[in-house]
Structure formats: C-alpha cells, structure tokens
PDB file of N, CA and C in Angstrom:
ATOM      1  N   MET A   1      31.220  25.215   5.355  1.00  0.00           N
ATOM      2  CA  MET A   1      29.875  25.056   4.841  1.00  0.00           C
ATOM      3  C   MET A   1      29.546  23.564   4.723  1.00  0.00           C
ATOM      4  N   GLU A   2      28.372  23.185   5.155  1.00  0.00           N
ATOM      5  CA  GLU A   2      27.945  21.795   5.047  1.00  0.00           C
ATOM      6  C   GLU A   2      27.347  21.544   3.672  1.00  0.00           C
ATOM      7  N   ASN A   3      27.578  20.350   3.156  1.00  0.00           N
ATOM      8  CA  ASN A   3      26.856  19.977   1.949  1.00  0.00           C
ATOM      9  C   ASN A   3      25.869  18.874   2.324  1.00  0.00           C
ATOM     10  N   ALA A   4      25.041  18.467   1.372  1.00  0.00           N
ATOM     11  CA  ALA A   4      23.980  17.496   1.662  1.00  0.00           C
ATOM     12  C   ALA A   4      24.533  16.176   2.184  1.00  0.00           C
ATOM     13  N   ASN A   5      25.757  15.825   1.801  1.00  0.00           N
ATOM     14  CA  ASN A   5      26.340  14.564   2.256  1.00  0.00           C
ATOM     15  C   ASN A   5      26.754  14.617   3.719  1.00  0.00           C
ATOM     16  N   ASP A   6      26.925  15.823   4.276  1.00  0.00           N
ATOM     17  CA  ASP A   6      27.345  15.967   5.663  1.00  0.00           C
ATOM     18  C   ASP A   6      26.169  16.013   6.640  1.00  0.00           C
ATOM     19  N   ILE A   7      24.966  16.226   6.123  1.00  0.00           N
ATOM     20  CA  ILE A   7      23.784  16.334   6.973  1.00  0.00           C
ATOM     21  C   ILE A   7      23.261  14.917   7.241  1.00  0.00           C
ATOM     22  N   PRO A   8      23.052  14.546   8.510  1.00  0.00           N
ATOM     23  CA  PRO A   8      22.494  13.212   8.794  1.00  0.00           C
ATOM     24  C   PRO A   8      21.142  13.044   8.107  1.00  0.00           C
ATOM     25  N   PHE A   9      20.907  11.835   7.591  1.00  0.00           N
ATOM     26  CA  PHE A   9      19.630  11.580   6.929  1.00  0.00           C
ATOM     27  C   PHE A   9      18.505  11.720   7.939  1.00  0.00           C
ATOM     28  N   GLY A  10      17.554  12.532   7.624  1.00  0.00           N
ATOM     29  CA  GLY A  10      16.411  12.807   8.488  1.00  0.00           C
ATOM     30  C   GLY A  10      15.840  14.145   8.089  1.00  0.00           C
ATOM     31  N   PRO A  11      14.918  14.678   8.857  1.00  0.00           N
ATOM     32  CA  PRO A  11      14.333  15.974   8.519  1.00  0.00           C
ATOM     33  C   PRO A  11      15.427  17.009   8.243  1.00  0.00           C
ATOM     34  N   GLY A  12      15.269  17.699   7.139  1.00  0.00           N
ATOM     35  CA  GLY A  12      16.243  18.706   6.740  1.00  0.00           C
ATOM     36  C   GLY A  12      17.204  18.223   5.672  1.00  0.00           C
ATOM     37  N   HIS A  13      17.369  16.903   5.557  1.00  0.00           N
ATOM     38  CA  HIS A  13      18.238  16.354   4.512  1.00  0.00           C
ATOM     39  C   HIS A  13      17.460  16.376   3.201  1.00  0.00           C
ATOM     40  N   PRO A  14      18.090  16.823   2.102  1.00  0.00           N
ATOM     41  CA  PRO A  14      17.368  16.895   0.822  1.00  0.00           C
ATOM     42  C   PRO A  14      16.753  15.570   0.389  1.00  0.00           C
ATOM     43  N   ARG A  15      17.448  14.476   0.551  1.00  0.00           N
ATOM     44  CA  ARG A  15      16.903  13.178   0.142  1.00  0.00           C
ATOM     45  C   ARG A  15      15.718  12.766   1.018  1.00  0.00           C
ATOM     46  N   TYR A  16      15.755  13.122   2.276  1.00  0.00           N
ATOM     47  CA  TYR A  16      14.645  12.837   3.180  1.00  0.00           C
ATOM     48  C   TYR A  16      13.402  13.590   2.713  1.00  0.00           C
ATOM     49  N   GLU A  17      13.593  14.869   2.375  1.00  0.00           N
ATOM     50  CA  GLU A  17      12.472  15.682   1.905  1.00  0.00           C
ATOM     51  C   GLU A  17      11.906  15.111   0.602  1.00  0.00           C
ATOM     52  N   GLU A  18      12.778  14.635  -0.290  1.00  0.00           N
ATOM     53  CA  GLU A  18      12.319  14.019  -1.542  1.00  0.00           C
ATOM     54  C   GLU A  18      11.530  12.741  -1.252  1.00  0.00           C
ATOM     55  N   ALA A  19      12.014  11.936  -0.323  1.00  0.00           N
ATOM     56  CA  ALA A  19      11.320  10.699   0.026  1.00  0.00           C
ATOM     57  C   ALA A  19       9.941  10.994   0.611  1.00  0.00           C
ATOM     58  N   GLN A  20       9.866  12.013   1.466  1.00  0.00           N
ATOM     59  CA  GLN A  20       8.579  12.414   2.053  1.00  0.00           C
ATOM     60  C   GLN A  20       7.614  12.871   0.962  1.00  0.00           C
ATOM     61  N   ALA A  21       8.115  13.647   0.007  1.00  0.00           N
ATOM     62  CA  ALA A  21       7.264  14.144  -1.077  1.00  0.00           C
ATOM     63  C   ALA A  21       6.758  12.992  -1.943  1.00  0.00           C
ATOM     64  N   LEU A  22       7.635  12.035  -2.244  1.00  0.00           N
ATOM     65  CA  LEU A  22       7.232  10.886  -3.046  1.00  0.00           C
ATOM     66  C   LEU A  22       6.169  10.067  -2.319  1.00  0.00           C
ATOM     67  N   GLU A  23       6.399   9.817  -1.044  1.00  0.00           N
ATOM     68  CA  GLU A  23       5.448   9.044  -0.240  1.00  0.00           C
ATOM     69  C   GLU A  23       4.079   9.732  -0.214  1.00  0.00           C
ATOM     70  N   SER A  24       4.067  11.023  -0.022  1.00  0.00           N
ATOM     71  CA  SER A  24       2.805  11.773   0.014  1.00  0.00           C
ATOM     72  C   SER A  24       2.114  11.756  -1.342  1.00  0.00           C
ATOM     73  N   THR A  25       2.900  11.869  -2.401  1.00  0.00           N
ATOM     74  CA  THR A  25       2.337  11.864  -3.750  1.00  0.00           C
ATOM     75  C   THR A  25       1.669  10.532  -4.051  1.00  0.00           C
ATOM     76  N   VAL A  26       2.324   9.442  -3.701  1.00  0.00           N
ATOM     77  CA  VAL A  26       1.748   8.115  -3.955  1.00  0.00           C
ATOM     78  C   VAL A  26       0.434   7.965  -3.190  1.00  0.00           C
ATOM     79  N   ARG A  27       0.388   8.426  -1.944  1.00  0.00           N
ATOM     80  CA  ARG A  27      -0.852   8.333  -1.156  1.00  0.00           C
ATOM     81  C   ARG A  27      -1.985   9.149  -1.791  1.00  0.00           C
ATOM     82  N   VAL A  28      -1.676  10.363  -2.253  1.00  0.00           N
ATOM     83  CA  VAL A  28      -2.692  11.229  -2.857  1.00  0.00           C
ATOM     84  C   VAL A  28      -3.188  10.631  -4.172  1.00  0.00           C
ATOM     85  N   VAL A  29      -2.275  10.126  -4.991  1.00  0.00           N
ATOM     86  CA  VAL A  29      -2.672   9.524  -6.268  1.00  0.00           C
ATOM     87  C   VAL A  29      -3.547   8.302  -6.023  1.00  0.00           C
ATOM     88  N   ARG A  30      -3.192   7.490  -5.032  1.00  0.00           N
ATOM     89  CA  ARG A  30      -4.011   6.315  -4.712  1.00  0.00           C
ATOM     90  C   ARG A  30      -5.422   6.739  -4.314  1.00  0.00           C
ATOM     91  N   LYS A  31      -5.531   7.765  -3.483  1.00  0.00           N
ATOM     92  CA  LYS A  31      -6.866   8.253  -3.076  1.00  0.00           C
ATOM     93  C   LYS A  31      -7.648   8.725  -4.298  1.00  0.00           C
ATOM     94  N   ALA A  32      -6.967   9.449  -5.198  1.00  0.00           N
ATOM     95  CA  ALA A  32      -7.640   9.939  -6.404  1.00  0.00           C
ATOM     96  C   ALA A  32      -8.109   8.788  -7.292  1.00  0.00           C
ATOM     97  N   GLN A  33      -7.411   7.669  -7.234  1.00  0.00           N
ATOM     98  CA  GLN A  33      -7.790   6.489  -8.008  1.00  0.00           C
ATOM     99  C   GLN A  33      -8.870   5.657  -7.304  1.00  0.00           C
ATOM    100  N   GLY A  34      -9.258   6.086  -6.115  1.00  0.00           N
ATOM    101  CA  GLY A  34     -10.259   5.350  -5.348  1.00  0.00           C
ATOM    102  C   GLY A  34      -9.688   4.196  -4.550  1.00  0.00           C
ATOM    103  N   LYS A  35      -8.365   4.136  -4.435  1.00  0.00           N
ATOM    104  CA  LYS A  35      -7.728   3.075  -3.652  1.00  0.00           C
ATOM    105  C   LYS A  35      -7.603   3.504  -2.199  1.00  0.00           C
ATOM    106  N   LYS A  36      -7.591   2.538  -1.320  1.00  0.00           N
ATOM    107  CA  LYS A  36      -7.389   2.798   0.108  1.00  0.00           C
ATOM    108  C   LYS A  36      -5.898   2.710   0.417  1.00  0.00           C
ATOM    109  N   ASN A  37      -5.462   3.463   1.415  1.00  0.00           N
ATOM    110  CA  ASN A  37      -4.100   3.395   1.913  1.00  0.00           C
ATOM    111  C   ASN A  37      -4.093   2.578   3.201  1.00  0.00           C
ATOM    112  N   PRO A  38      -2.933   2.049   3.590  1.00  0.00           N
ATOM    113  CA  PRO A  38      -2.893   1.200   4.784  1.00  0.00           C
ATOM    114  C   PRO A  38      -3.506   1.840   6.023  1.00  0.00           C
ATOM    115  N   GLU A  39      -3.306   3.146   6.207  1.00  0.00           N
ATOM    116  CA  GLU A  39      -3.831   3.789   7.419  1.00  0.00           C
ATOM    117  C   GLU A  39      -5.360   3.865   7.456  1.00  0.00           C
ATOM    118  N   ASP A  40      -6.008   3.464   6.370  1.00  0.00           N
ATOM    119  CA  ASP A  40      -7.468   3.444   6.332  1.00  0.00           C
ATOM    120  C   ASP A  40      -8.051   2.210   7.029  1.00  0.00           C
ATOM    121  N   PHE A  41      -7.175   1.311   7.464  1.00  0.00           N
ATOM    122  CA  PHE A  41      -7.605   0.058   8.084  1.00  0.00           C
ATOM    123  C   PHE A  41      -6.902  -0.135   9.424  1.00  0.00           C
ATOM    124  N   PRO A  42      -7.471  -0.940  10.310  1.00  0.00           N
ATOM    125  CA  PRO A  42      -6.785  -1.245  11.567  1.00  0.00           C
ATOM    126  C   PRO A  42      -5.441  -1.936  11.283  1.00  0.00           C
ATOM    127  N   TYR A  43      -4.409  -1.463  11.959  1.00  0.00           N
ATOM    128  CA  TYR A  43      -3.065  -1.998  11.757  1.00  0.00           C
ATOM    129  C   TYR A  43      -3.041  -3.512  11.961  1.00  0.00           C
ATOM    130  N   GLY A  44      -2.447  -4.206  11.005  1.00  0.00           N
ATOM    131  CA  GLY A  44      -2.277  -5.648  11.110  1.00  0.00           C
ATOM    132  C   GLY A  44      -3.452  -6.472  10.627  1.00  0.00           C
ATOM    133  N   SER A  45      -4.578  -5.829  10.331  1.00  0.00           N
ATOM    134  CA  SER A  45      -5.748  -6.574   9.860  1.00  0.00           C
ATOM    135  C   SER A  45      -5.483  -7.097   8.442  1.00  0.00           C
ATOM    136  N   PRO A  46      -6.266  -8.082   8.002  1.00  0.00           N
ATOM    137  CA  PRO A  46      -6.090  -8.570   6.627  1.00  0.00           C
ATOM    138  C   PRO A  46      -6.256  -7.450   5.590  1.00  0.00           C
ATOM    139  N   ALA A  47      -7.201  -6.551   5.808  1.00  0.00           N
ATOM    140  CA  ALA A  47      -7.396  -5.439   4.870  1.00  0.00           C
ATOM    141  C   ALA A  47      -6.184  -4.504   4.874  1.00  0.00           C
ATOM    142  N   TRP A  48      -5.612  -4.278   6.068  1.00  0.00           N
ATOM    143  CA  TRP A  48      -4.404  -3.450   6.161  1.00  0.00           C
ATOM    144  C   TRP A  48      -3.263  -4.094   5.393  1.00  0.00           C
ATOM    145  N   ARG A  49      -3.087  -5.414   5.546  1.00  0.00           N
ATOM    146  CA  ARG A  49      -2.002  -6.109   4.849  1.00  0.00           C
ATOM    147  C   ARG A  49      -2.164  -6.003   3.340  1.00  0.00           C
ATOM    148  N   ASP A  50      -3.388  -6.183   2.860  1.00  0.00           N
ATOM    149  CA  ASP A  50      -3.642  -6.070   1.417  1.00  0.00           C
ATOM    150  C   ASP A  50      -3.337  -4.661   0.914  1.00  0.00           C
ATOM    151  N   ALA A  51      -3.822  -3.656   1.646  1.00  0.00           N
ATOM    152  CA  ALA A  51      -3.587  -2.269   1.239  1.00  0.00           C
ATOM    153  C   ALA A  51      -2.104  -1.917   1.331  1.00  0.00           C
ATOM    154  N   ASP A  52      -1.428  -2.437   2.339  1.00  0.00           N
ATOM    155  CA  ASP A  52       0.000  -2.178   2.508  1.00  0.00           C
ATOM    156  C   ASP A  52       0.797  -2.749   1.337  1.00  0.00           C
ATOM    157  N   GLU A  53       0.491  -3.969   0.958  1.00  0.00           N
ATOM    158  CA  GLU A  53       1.198  -4.580  -0.178  1.00  0.00           C
ATOM    159  C   GLU A  53       0.911  -3.806  -1.463  1.00  0.00           C
ATOM    160  N   ASP A  54      -0.338  -3.431  -1.687  1.00  0.00           N
ATOM    161  CA  ASP A  54      -0.703  -2.680  -2.887  1.00  0.00           C
ATOM    162  C   ASP A  54      -0.022  -1.305  -2.888  1.00  0.00           C
ATOM    163  N   TYR A  55       0.033  -0.657  -1.714  1.00  0.00           N
ATOM    164  CA  TYR A  55       0.713   0.637  -1.598  1.00  0.00           C
ATOM    165  C   TYR A  55       2.200   0.490  -1.941  1.00  0.00           C
ATOM    166  N   MET A  56       2.837  -0.544  -1.405  1.00  0.00           N
ATOM    167  CA  MET A  56       4.263  -0.753  -1.679  1.00  0.00           C
ATOM    168  C   MET A  56       4.511  -1.006  -3.162  1.00  0.00           C
ATOM    169  N   ARG A  57       3.608  -1.707  -3.804  1.00  0.00           N
ATOM    170  CA  ARG A  57       3.736  -1.941  -5.247  1.00  0.00           C
ATOM    171  C   ARG A  57       3.638  -0.609  -5.996  1.00  0.00           C
ATOM    172  N   ASP A  58       2.708   0.254  -5.587  1.00  0.00           N
ATOM    173  CA  ASP A  58       2.579   1.565  -6.227  1.00  0.00           C
ATOM    174  C   ASP A  58       3.806   2.434  -5.953  1.00  0.00           C
ATOM    175  N   LEU A  59       4.348   2.350  -4.756  1.00  0.00           N
ATOM    176  CA  LEU A  59       5.550   3.109  -4.420  1.00  0.00           C
ATOM    177  C   LEU A  59       6.727   2.648  -5.283  1.00  0.00           C
ATOM    178  N   LEU A  60       6.865   1.345  -5.460  1.00  0.00           N
ATOM    179  CA  LEU A  60       7.930   0.828  -6.306  1.00  0.00           C
ATOM    180  C   LEU A  60       7.760   1.305  -7.750  1.00  0.00           C
ATOM    181  N   ARG A  61       6.511   1.316  -8.232  1.00  0.00           N
ATOM    182  CA  ARG A  61       6.258   1.840  -9.580  1.00  0.00           C
ATOM    183  C   ARG A  61       6.677   3.305  -9.682  1.00  0.00           C
ATOM    184  N   ALA A  62       6.370   4.094  -8.648  1.00  0.00           N
ATOM    185  CA  ALA A  62       6.723   5.513  -8.639  1.00  0.00           C
ATOM    186  C   ALA A  62       8.240   5.708  -8.669  1.00  0.00           C
ATOM    187  N   LEU A  63       8.972   4.727  -8.149  1.00  0.00           N
ATOM    188  CA  LEU A  63      10.431   4.780  -8.171  1.00  0.00           C
ATOM    189  C   LEU A  63      11.007   4.249  -9.481  1.00  0.00           C
ATOM    190  N   GLY A  64      10.121   3.809 -10.374  1.00  0.00           N
ATOM    191  CA  GLY A  64      10.558   3.328 -11.682  1.00  0.00           C
ATOM    192  C   GLY A  64      10.768   1.829 -11.756  1.00  0.00           C
ATOM    193  N   GLY A  65      10.357   1.113 -10.723  1.00  0.00           N
ATOM    194  CA  GLY A  65      10.530  -0.328 -10.699  1.00  0.00           C
ATOM    195  C   GLY A  65       9.291  -1.061 -11.198  1.00  0.00           C
ATOM    196  N   ASN A  66       9.435  -2.358 -11.308  1.00  0.00           N
ATOM    197  CA  ASN A  66       8.325  -3.212 -11.719  1.00  0.00           C
ATOM    198  C   ASN A  66       8.072  -4.230 -10.623  1.00  0.00           C
ATOM    199  N   PRO A  67       6.997  -4.052  -9.854  1.00  0.00           N
ATOM    200  CA  PRO A  67       6.739  -4.975  -8.746  1.00  0.00           C
ATOM    201  C   PRO A  67       6.495  -6.408  -9.197  1.00  0.00           C
ATOM    202  N   ASP A  68       6.145  -6.607 -10.463  1.00  0.00           N
ATOM    203  CA  ASP A  68       5.900  -7.955 -10.947  1.00  0.00           C
ATOM    204  C   ASP A  68       7.200  -8.744 -11.118  1.00  0.00           C
ATOM    205  N   GLU A  69       8.337  -8.048 -11.080  1.00  0.00           N
ATOM    206  CA  GLU A  69       9.635  -8.732 -11.199  1.00  0.00           C
ATOM    207  C   GLU A  69      10.130  -9.257  -9.862  1.00  0.00           C
ATOM    208  N   ILE A  70       9.445  -8.903  -8.782  1.00  0.00           N
ATOM    209  CA  ILE A  70       9.855  -9.327  -7.443  1.00  0.00           C
ATOM    210  C   ILE A  70       9.128 -10.600  -7.075  1.00  0.00           C
ATOM    211  N   ARG A  71       9.870 -11.563  -6.650  1.00  0.00           N
ATOM    212  CA  ARG A  71       9.263 -12.831  -6.224  1.00  0.00           C
ATOM    213  C   ARG A  71       9.319 -12.921  -4.719  1.00  0.00           C
ATOM    214  N   GLY A  72       8.225 -13.346  -4.119  1.00  0.00           N
ATOM    215  CA  GLY A  72       8.178 -13.430  -2.665  1.00  0.00           C
ATOM    216  C   GLY A  72       8.134 -14.815  -2.151  1.00  0.00           C
TER     217      GLY A  72
END
C-alpha cells in the first residue's frame, strides 16, 4: 500500500491538493475584497507585477506568515 510520502508531488498528492485549495481560496477572497488577481492583467505589465506582489503577500498571510517581515 502506498502512503502519501510515496506518491510523487503533483496531482493526486494530498499536499498538492491542499496547495491548490489554498491558492484558489486566496484568489476568491481577493475577488470578494474587490482586489484584482495577476491574471486580470497582461503578463509582465506594471499592473500585473503590482497585483502579483499583492497576491503573494496575501498568500503568505494565508500561510500564517507576515509579509512585512520580508525584506527585498
């Protein structure tokens, strides 16, 4: 019998499914808050970069982190 540690990370792996659910949840919550997601803008545009950074900050918050503690 295989356990979760034996399944390659990807579709079907429990952690992969959790990551997909978290990613989708953050996108839906952002839309409900009136925020745009990166895919709402042309890839690489200044607006895309701003939305991408803001999305990543929200994703980090959803993981329990504090994006203000990260220095770039």
